[in-house]
């Protein structure tokens, strides 16, 4: 992972983690090209309004995961 996408990721985390429904932001790959991946509970109007399709020259992919919760240790 290059330093430029790390900078884009850091800025994206700051901007998008406060959007209601966003579970996480990470670097991923689509069609062999690095991109930003945003995991969300659902694609709400706020998510679609707040998360762009491109950011700092990188494609942004939205993945609906549903709610993410911590599992208890057994």
C-alpha atoms as a PDB file:
ATOM      1  CA  UNK A   1       0.000   0.000   0.000  1.00  0.00           C
ATOM      2  CA  UNK A   2       1.483   3.302  -1.105  1.00  0.00           C
ATOM      3  CA  UNK A   3       1.834   6.349   1.110  1.00  0.00           C
ATOM      4  CA  UNK A   4      -0.558   8.408  -1.057  1.00  0.00           C
ATOM      5  CA  UNK A   5      -3.485   6.022  -0.548  1.00  0.00           C
ATOM      6  CA  UNK A   6      -2.616   5.821   3.170  1.00  0.00           C
ATOM      7  CA  UNK A   7      -3.017   9.607   3.332  1.00  0.00           C
ATOM      8  CA  UNK A   8      -6.337   9.384   1.456  1.00  0.00           C
ATOM      9  CA  UNK A   9      -7.476   6.614   3.835  1.00  0.00           C
ATOM     10  CA  UNK A  10      -6.552   8.645   6.904  1.00  0.00           C
ATOM     11  CA  UNK A  11      -8.493  11.660   5.640  1.00  0.00           C
ATOM     12  CA  UNK A  12     -11.467   9.492   4.602  1.00  0.00           C
ATOM     13  CA  UNK A  13     -11.640   7.904   8.059  1.00  0.00           C
ATOM     14  CA  UNK A  14     -11.770  11.360   9.645  1.00  0.00           C
ATOM     15  CA  UNK A  15     -14.544  12.471   7.269  1.00  0.00           C
ATOM     16  CA  UNK A  16     -16.724   9.398   6.995  1.00  0.00           C
ATOM     17  CA  UNK A  17     -16.623   7.471  10.285  1.00  0.00           C
ATOM     18  CA  UNK A  18     -18.994  10.018  11.813  1.00  0.00           C
ATOM     19  CA  UNK A  19     -21.600   9.387   9.100  1.00  0.00           C
ATOM     20  CA  UNK A  20     -24.445   7.410  10.654  1.00  0.00           C
ATOM     21  CA  UNK A  21     -24.396   3.814   9.427  1.00  0.00           C
ATOM     22  CA  UNK A  22     -20.715   3.712   8.424  1.00  0.00           C
ATOM     23  CA  UNK A  23     -18.979   0.714  10.039  1.00  0.00           C
ATOM     24  CA  UNK A  24     -15.494   1.145   8.625  1.00  0.00           C
ATOM     25  CA  UNK A  25     -13.190   2.549   5.962  1.00  0.00           C
ATOM     26  CA  UNK A  26     -10.311   0.569   4.459  1.00  0.00           C
ATOM     27  CA  UNK A  27      -8.074   0.175   1.426  1.00  0.00           C
ATOM     28  CA  UNK A  28      -9.245  -2.508  -0.962  1.00  0.00           C
ATOM     29  CA  UNK A  29      -8.780  -3.467  -4.604  1.00  0.00           C
ATOM     30  CA  UNK A  30     -11.188  -3.528  -7.530  1.00  0.00           C
ATOM     31  CA  UNK A  31     -10.158  -4.844 -10.942  1.00  0.00           C
ATOM     32  CA  UNK A  32      -6.506  -4.834  -9.851  1.00  0.00           C
ATOM     33  CA  UNK A  33      -6.554  -1.168  -8.791  1.00  0.00           C
ATOM     34  CA  UNK A  34      -6.391   0.132  -5.215  1.00  0.00           C
ATOM     35  CA  UNK A  35      -9.568   1.807  -3.987  1.00  0.00           C
ATOM     36  CA  UNK A  36     -11.210   2.900  -0.763  1.00  0.00           C
ATOM     37  CA  UNK A  37     -13.856   0.600   0.721  1.00  0.00           C
ATOM     38  CA  UNK A  38     -16.569   1.909   3.011  1.00  0.00           C
ATOM     39  CA  UNK A  39     -18.598  -0.670   4.925  1.00  0.00           C
ATOM     40  CA  UNK A  40     -22.106   0.400   5.925  1.00  0.00           C
ATOM     41  CA  UNK A  41     -25.118  -1.072   7.678  1.00  0.00           C
ATOM     42  CA  UNK A  42     -27.422   0.051   4.846  1.00  0.00           C
ATOM     43  CA  UNK A  43     -27.265   2.509   1.953  1.00  0.00           C
ATOM     44  CA  UNK A  44     -29.185   5.353   3.522  1.00  0.00           C
ATOM     45  CA  UNK A  45     -29.732   8.749   1.861  1.00  0.00           C
ATOM     46  CA  UNK A  46     -27.166  10.204   4.309  1.00  0.00           C
ATOM     47  CA  UNK A  47     -24.556   7.599   3.323  1.00  0.00           C
ATOM     48  CA  UNK A  48     -25.156   8.188  -0.389  1.00  0.00           C
ATOM     49  CA  UNK A  49     -25.005  11.964   0.103  1.00  0.00           C
ATOM     50  CA  UNK A  50     -21.876  11.881   2.288  1.00  0.00           C
ATOM     51  CA  UNK A  51     -19.691   9.273   0.564  1.00  0.00           C
ATOM     52  CA  UNK A  52     -18.423  10.282  -2.911  1.00  0.00           C
ATOM     53  CA  UNK A  53     -17.726   7.803  -5.712  1.00  0.00           C
ATOM     54  CA  UNK A  54     -14.161   9.210  -6.049  1.00  0.00           C
ATOM     55  CA  UNK A  55     -11.883  10.606  -3.344  1.00  0.00           C
ATOM     56  CA  UNK A  56      -8.351  11.966  -3.821  1.00  0.00           C
ATOM     57  CA  UNK A  57      -8.145  10.173  -7.178  1.00  0.00           C
ATOM     58  CA  UNK A  58      -9.291   6.785  -5.817  1.00  0.00           C
ATOM     59  CA  UNK A  59     -12.537   4.971  -6.547  1.00  0.00           C
ATOM     60  CA  UNK A  60     -14.759   4.572  -3.485  1.00  0.00           C
ATOM     61  CA  UNK A  61     -16.731   1.349  -3.122  1.00  0.00           C
ATOM     62  CA  UNK A  62     -19.605   0.975  -0.661  1.00  0.00           C
ATOM     63  CA  UNK A  63     -20.211  -2.490   0.784  1.00  0.00           C
ATOM     64  CA  UNK A  64     -23.406  -3.181   2.737  1.00  0.00           C
ATOM     65  CA  UNK A  65     -22.506  -5.457   5.659  1.00  0.00           C
ATOM     66  CA  UNK A  66     -25.430  -4.920   7.993  1.00  0.00           C
ATOM     67  CA  UNK A  67     -24.671  -4.116  11.622  1.00  0.00           C
ATOM     68  CA  UNK A  68     -21.272  -5.175  12.934  1.00  0.00           C
ATOM     69  CA  UNK A  69     -20.955  -6.032  16.599  1.00  0.00           C
ATOM     70  CA  UNK A  70     -18.240  -7.515  18.776  1.00  0.00           C
ATOM     71  CA  UNK A  71     -18.611 -11.176  19.687  1.00  0.00           C
ATOM     72  CA  UNK A  72     -18.270 -12.301  23.279  1.00  0.00           C
ATOM     73  CA  UNK A  73     -15.257 -14.405  24.230  1.00  0.00           C
ATOM     74  CA  UNK A  74     -16.268 -17.996  24.941  1.00  0.00           C
END
